[in-house]
Amino acid sequence: MLKLENHLGTTTITTEYFAGLIGNVVSSCYGVVGISASTPMQGMLRRVSGRSTPAQGVKIKAIGDKLVVDIHIKVLYGINVSAIVKSIMNKVRYAVSQAVGLQVAKINVFVDDMTAE
């Protein structure tokens, strides 16, 4: 949980909110086929439930008033991976700053799989 204080009071935002927001942004990026499970537990839940959520490959850590984001993705084979990662980083920074006004300190993007469609 992250607490933001301003002149109107205190707002508490859960990391699940950020994970869902970032997962939706990443899923809409060109060249991203899907989001991979970031932990073995998430992978097991995906197999048991038979469905995936946008937040399952996203891990958020709050350090002070800044965020550190880990994202695990699957990309389309033949697309420039560097361009995809740069696009993801820019879109995530913009979406988080627009949604809640927070800065993202670091974004780690892990390409776990390449898929040919």
C-alpha atoms as a PDB file:
ATOM      1  CA  MET A   1       0.000   0.000   0.000  1.00  0.00           C
ATOM      2  CA  LEU A   2       1.091   3.481  -0.757  1.00  0.00           C
ATOM      3  CA  LYS A   3      -0.112   6.509   1.195  1.00  0.00           C
ATOM      4  CA  LEU A   4      -0.216   9.915  -0.423  1.00  0.00           C
ATOM      5  CA  GLU A   5      -0.748  13.007   1.675  1.00  0.00           C
ATOM      6  CA  ASN A   6      -1.817  16.417   0.449  1.00  0.00           C
ATOM      7  CA  HIS A   7      -3.711  19.424   1.799  1.00  0.00           C
ATOM      8  CA  LEU A   8      -7.040  17.572   1.413  1.00  0.00           C
ATOM      9  CA  GLY A   9      -6.034  14.504   3.412  1.00  0.00           C
ATOM     10  CA  THR A  10      -4.519  11.058   2.949  1.00  0.00           C
ATOM     11  CA  THR A  11      -5.141   8.732   0.021  1.00  0.00           C
ATOM     12  CA  THR A  12      -4.217   5.056   0.192  1.00  0.00           C
ATOM     13  CA  ILE A  13      -3.535   3.217  -3.065  1.00  0.00           C
ATOM     14  CA  THR A  14      -2.907  -0.518  -3.223  1.00  0.00           C
ATOM     15  CA  THR A  15      -0.158  -2.085  -5.291  1.00  0.00           C
ATOM     16  CA  GLU A  16      -2.842  -4.218  -6.964  1.00  0.00           C
ATOM     17  CA  TYR A  17      -4.279  -1.045  -8.495  1.00  0.00           C
ATOM     18  CA  PHE A  18      -0.893  -0.140  -9.970  1.00  0.00           C
ATOM     19  CA  ALA A  19      -0.341  -3.703 -11.172  1.00  0.00           C
ATOM     20  CA  GLY A  20      -3.692  -3.703 -12.969  1.00  0.00           C
ATOM     21  CA  LEU A  21      -3.084  -0.269 -14.482  1.00  0.00           C
ATOM     22  CA  ILE A  22       0.393  -1.204 -15.700  1.00  0.00           C
ATOM     23  CA  GLY A  23      -0.754  -4.604 -16.929  1.00  0.00           C
ATOM     24  CA  ASN A  24      -3.444  -3.009 -19.094  1.00  0.00           C
ATOM     25  CA  VAL A  25      -0.987  -0.447 -20.488  1.00  0.00           C
ATOM     26  CA  VAL A  26       1.593  -3.121 -21.323  1.00  0.00           C
ATOM     27  CA  SER A  27      -1.000  -5.396 -22.952  1.00  0.00           C
ATOM     28  CA  SER A  28      -1.936  -2.616 -25.356  1.00  0.00           C
ATOM     29  CA  CYS A  29       1.650  -2.057 -26.569  1.00  0.00           C
ATOM     30  CA  TYR A  30       2.548  -3.117 -30.110  1.00  0.00           C
ATOM     31  CA  GLY A  31       4.520  -6.363 -30.249  1.00  0.00           C
ATOM     32  CA  VAL A  32       3.461  -7.608 -26.815  1.00  0.00           C
ATOM     33  CA  VAL A  33       1.678 -10.945 -27.135  1.00  0.00           C
ATOM     34  CA  GLY A  34       0.975 -11.383 -23.441  1.00  0.00           C
ATOM     35  CA  ILE A  35       2.172 -11.033 -19.903  1.00  0.00           C
ATOM     36  CA  SER A  36       4.075 -13.877 -18.243  1.00  0.00           C
ATOM     37  CA  ALA A  37       3.646 -14.970 -14.652  1.00  0.00           C
ATOM     38  CA  SER A  38       6.344 -13.287 -12.567  1.00  0.00           C
ATOM     39  CA  THR A  39       6.346 -15.858  -9.757  1.00  0.00           C
ATOM     40  CA  PRO A  40       5.798 -19.624  -9.646  1.00  0.00           C
ATOM     41  CA  MET A  41       2.694 -19.040  -7.510  1.00  0.00           C
ATOM     42  CA  GLN A  42       1.149 -16.837 -10.200  1.00  0.00           C
ATOM     43  CA  GLY A  43       1.958 -19.470 -12.811  1.00  0.00           C
ATOM     44  CA  MET A  44       0.245 -22.136 -10.717  1.00  0.00           C
ATOM     45  CA  LEU A  45      -2.830 -19.942 -10.185  1.00  0.00           C
ATOM     46  CA  ARG A  46      -3.006 -19.341 -13.935  1.00  0.00           C
ATOM     47  CA  ARG A  47      -2.957 -23.086 -14.646  1.00  0.00           C
ATOM     48  CA  VAL A  48      -5.537 -23.880 -11.962  1.00  0.00           C
ATOM     49  CA  SER A  49      -7.964 -21.086 -12.840  1.00  0.00           C
ATOM     50  CA  GLY A  50      -7.444 -21.353 -16.591  1.00  0.00           C
ATOM     51  CA  ARG A  51      -7.340 -17.592 -17.089  1.00  0.00           C
ATOM     52  CA  SER A  52      -4.848 -14.813 -16.770  1.00  0.00           C
ATOM     53  CA  THR A  53      -5.153 -11.289 -15.462  1.00  0.00           C
ATOM     54  CA  PRO A  54      -3.224  -8.258 -16.719  1.00  0.00           C
ATOM     55  CA  ALA A  55      -1.680  -7.763 -13.283  1.00  0.00           C
ATOM     56  CA  GLN A  56      -0.164 -11.210 -12.917  1.00  0.00           C
ATOM     57  CA  GLY A  57       3.190 -10.440 -14.546  1.00  0.00           C
ATOM     58  CA  VAL A  58       3.649  -7.107 -12.815  1.00  0.00           C
ATOM     59  CA  LYS A  59       5.421  -6.611  -9.505  1.00  0.00           C
ATOM     60  CA  ILE A  60       5.396  -3.240  -7.710  1.00  0.00           C
ATOM     61  CA  LYS A  61       7.629  -1.985  -4.909  1.00  0.00           C
ATOM     62  CA  ALA A  62       7.140   1.398  -3.270  1.00  0.00           C
ATOM     63  CA  ILE A  63      10.292   3.187  -2.164  1.00  0.00           C
ATOM     64  CA  GLY A  64       9.285   6.389  -0.469  1.00  0.00           C
ATOM     65  CA  ASP A  65       6.999   8.199  -2.885  1.00  0.00           C
ATOM     66  CA  LYS A  66       8.445   6.486  -5.978  1.00  0.00           C
ATOM     67  CA  LEU A  67       7.727   3.116  -7.555  1.00  0.00           C
ATOM     68  CA  VAL A  68       9.947   0.307  -8.827  1.00  0.00           C
ATOM     69  CA  VAL A  69       8.162  -1.836 -11.410  1.00  0.00           C
ATOM     70  CA  ASP A  70       9.063  -5.324 -12.690  1.00  0.00           C
ATOM     71  CA  ILE A  71       7.204  -6.481 -15.807  1.00  0.00           C
ATOM     72  CA  HIS A  72       7.401  -9.951 -17.397  1.00  0.00           C
ATOM     73  CA  ILE A  73       6.237 -10.092 -21.027  1.00  0.00           C
ATOM     74  CA  LYS A  74       5.957 -12.307 -24.095  1.00  0.00           C
ATOM     75  CA  VAL A  75       6.753 -10.645 -27.419  1.00  0.00           C
ATOM     76  CA  LEU A  76       6.123 -11.366 -31.071  1.00  0.00           C
ATOM     77  CA  TYR A  77       9.075 -12.942 -32.878  1.00  0.00           C
ATOM     78  CA  GLY A  78      10.719 -10.683 -35.449  1.00  0.00           C
ATOM     79  CA  ILE A  79       9.861  -7.377 -33.777  1.00  0.00           C
ATOM     80  CA  ASN A  80      12.619  -5.133 -32.410  1.00  0.00           C
ATOM     81  CA  VAL A  81      12.685  -6.013 -28.696  1.00  0.00           C
ATOM     82  CA  SER A  82      14.544  -2.845 -27.749  1.00  0.00           C
ATOM     83  CA  ALA A  83      11.839  -0.678 -29.339  1.00  0.00           C
ATOM     84  CA  ILE A  84       9.104  -2.636 -27.555  1.00  0.00           C
ATOM     85  CA  VAL A  85      10.827  -2.226 -24.181  1.00  0.00           C
ATOM     86  CA  LYS A  86      11.390   1.515 -24.685  1.00  0.00           C
ATOM     87  CA  SER A  87       7.744   1.945 -25.664  1.00  0.00           C
ATOM     88  CA  ILE A  88       6.591   0.042 -22.577  1.00  0.00           C
ATOM     89  CA  MET A  89       8.798   2.121 -20.294  1.00  0.00           C
ATOM     90  CA  ASN A  90       7.520   5.419 -21.730  1.00  0.00           C
ATOM     91  CA  LYS A  91       3.865   4.383 -21.623  1.00  0.00           C
ATOM     92  CA  VAL A  92       4.102   3.052 -18.051  1.00  0.00           C
ATOM     93  CA  ARG A  93       5.790   6.233 -16.777  1.00  0.00           C
ATOM     94  CA  TYR A  94       3.146   8.369 -18.483  1.00  0.00           C
ATOM     95  CA  ALA A  95       0.172   6.274 -17.287  1.00  0.00           C
ATOM     96  CA  VAL A  96       1.315   6.252 -13.646  1.00  0.00           C
ATOM     97  CA  SER A  97       2.060   9.976 -13.615  1.00  0.00           C
ATOM     98  CA  GLN A  98      -1.318  10.765 -15.207  1.00  0.00           C
ATOM     99  CA  ALA A  99      -3.298   8.436 -12.938  1.00  0.00           C
ATOM    100  CA  VAL A 100      -1.875   9.427  -9.562  1.00  0.00           C
ATOM    101  CA  GLY A 101       0.943  11.916 -10.124  1.00  0.00           C
ATOM    102  CA  LEU A 102       3.711   9.599  -8.881  1.00  0.00           C
ATOM    103  CA  GLN A 103       7.133   9.182 -10.379  1.00  0.00           C
ATOM    104  CA  VAL A 104       8.436   5.771 -11.390  1.00  0.00           C
ATOM    105  CA  ALA A 105      12.021   5.377 -10.179  1.00  0.00           C
ATOM    106  CA  LYS A 106      12.857   2.253 -12.158  1.00  0.00           C
ATOM    107  CA  ILE A 107      11.179  -0.059 -14.654  1.00  0.00           C
ATOM    108  CA  ASN A 108      12.600  -3.539 -15.257  1.00  0.00           C
ATOM    109  CA  VAL A 109      11.177  -5.308 -18.316  1.00  0.00           C
ATOM    110  CA  PHE A 110      11.890  -9.026 -18.621  1.00  0.00           C
ATOM    111  CA  VAL A 111      11.211 -10.714 -21.966  1.00  0.00           C
ATOM    112  CA  ASP A 112      10.377 -14.270 -20.917  1.00  0.00           C
ATOM    113  CA  ASP A 113       9.148 -15.690 -24.217  1.00  0.00           C
ATOM    114  CA  MET A 114       8.960 -15.023 -27.957  1.00  0.00           C
ATOM    115  CA  THR A 115       6.000 -16.297 -29.944  1.00  0.00           C
ATOM    116  CA  ALA A 116       5.500 -16.580 -33.686  1.00  0.00           C
ATOM    117  CA  GLU A 117       1.905 -15.998 -34.698  1.00  0.00           C
END
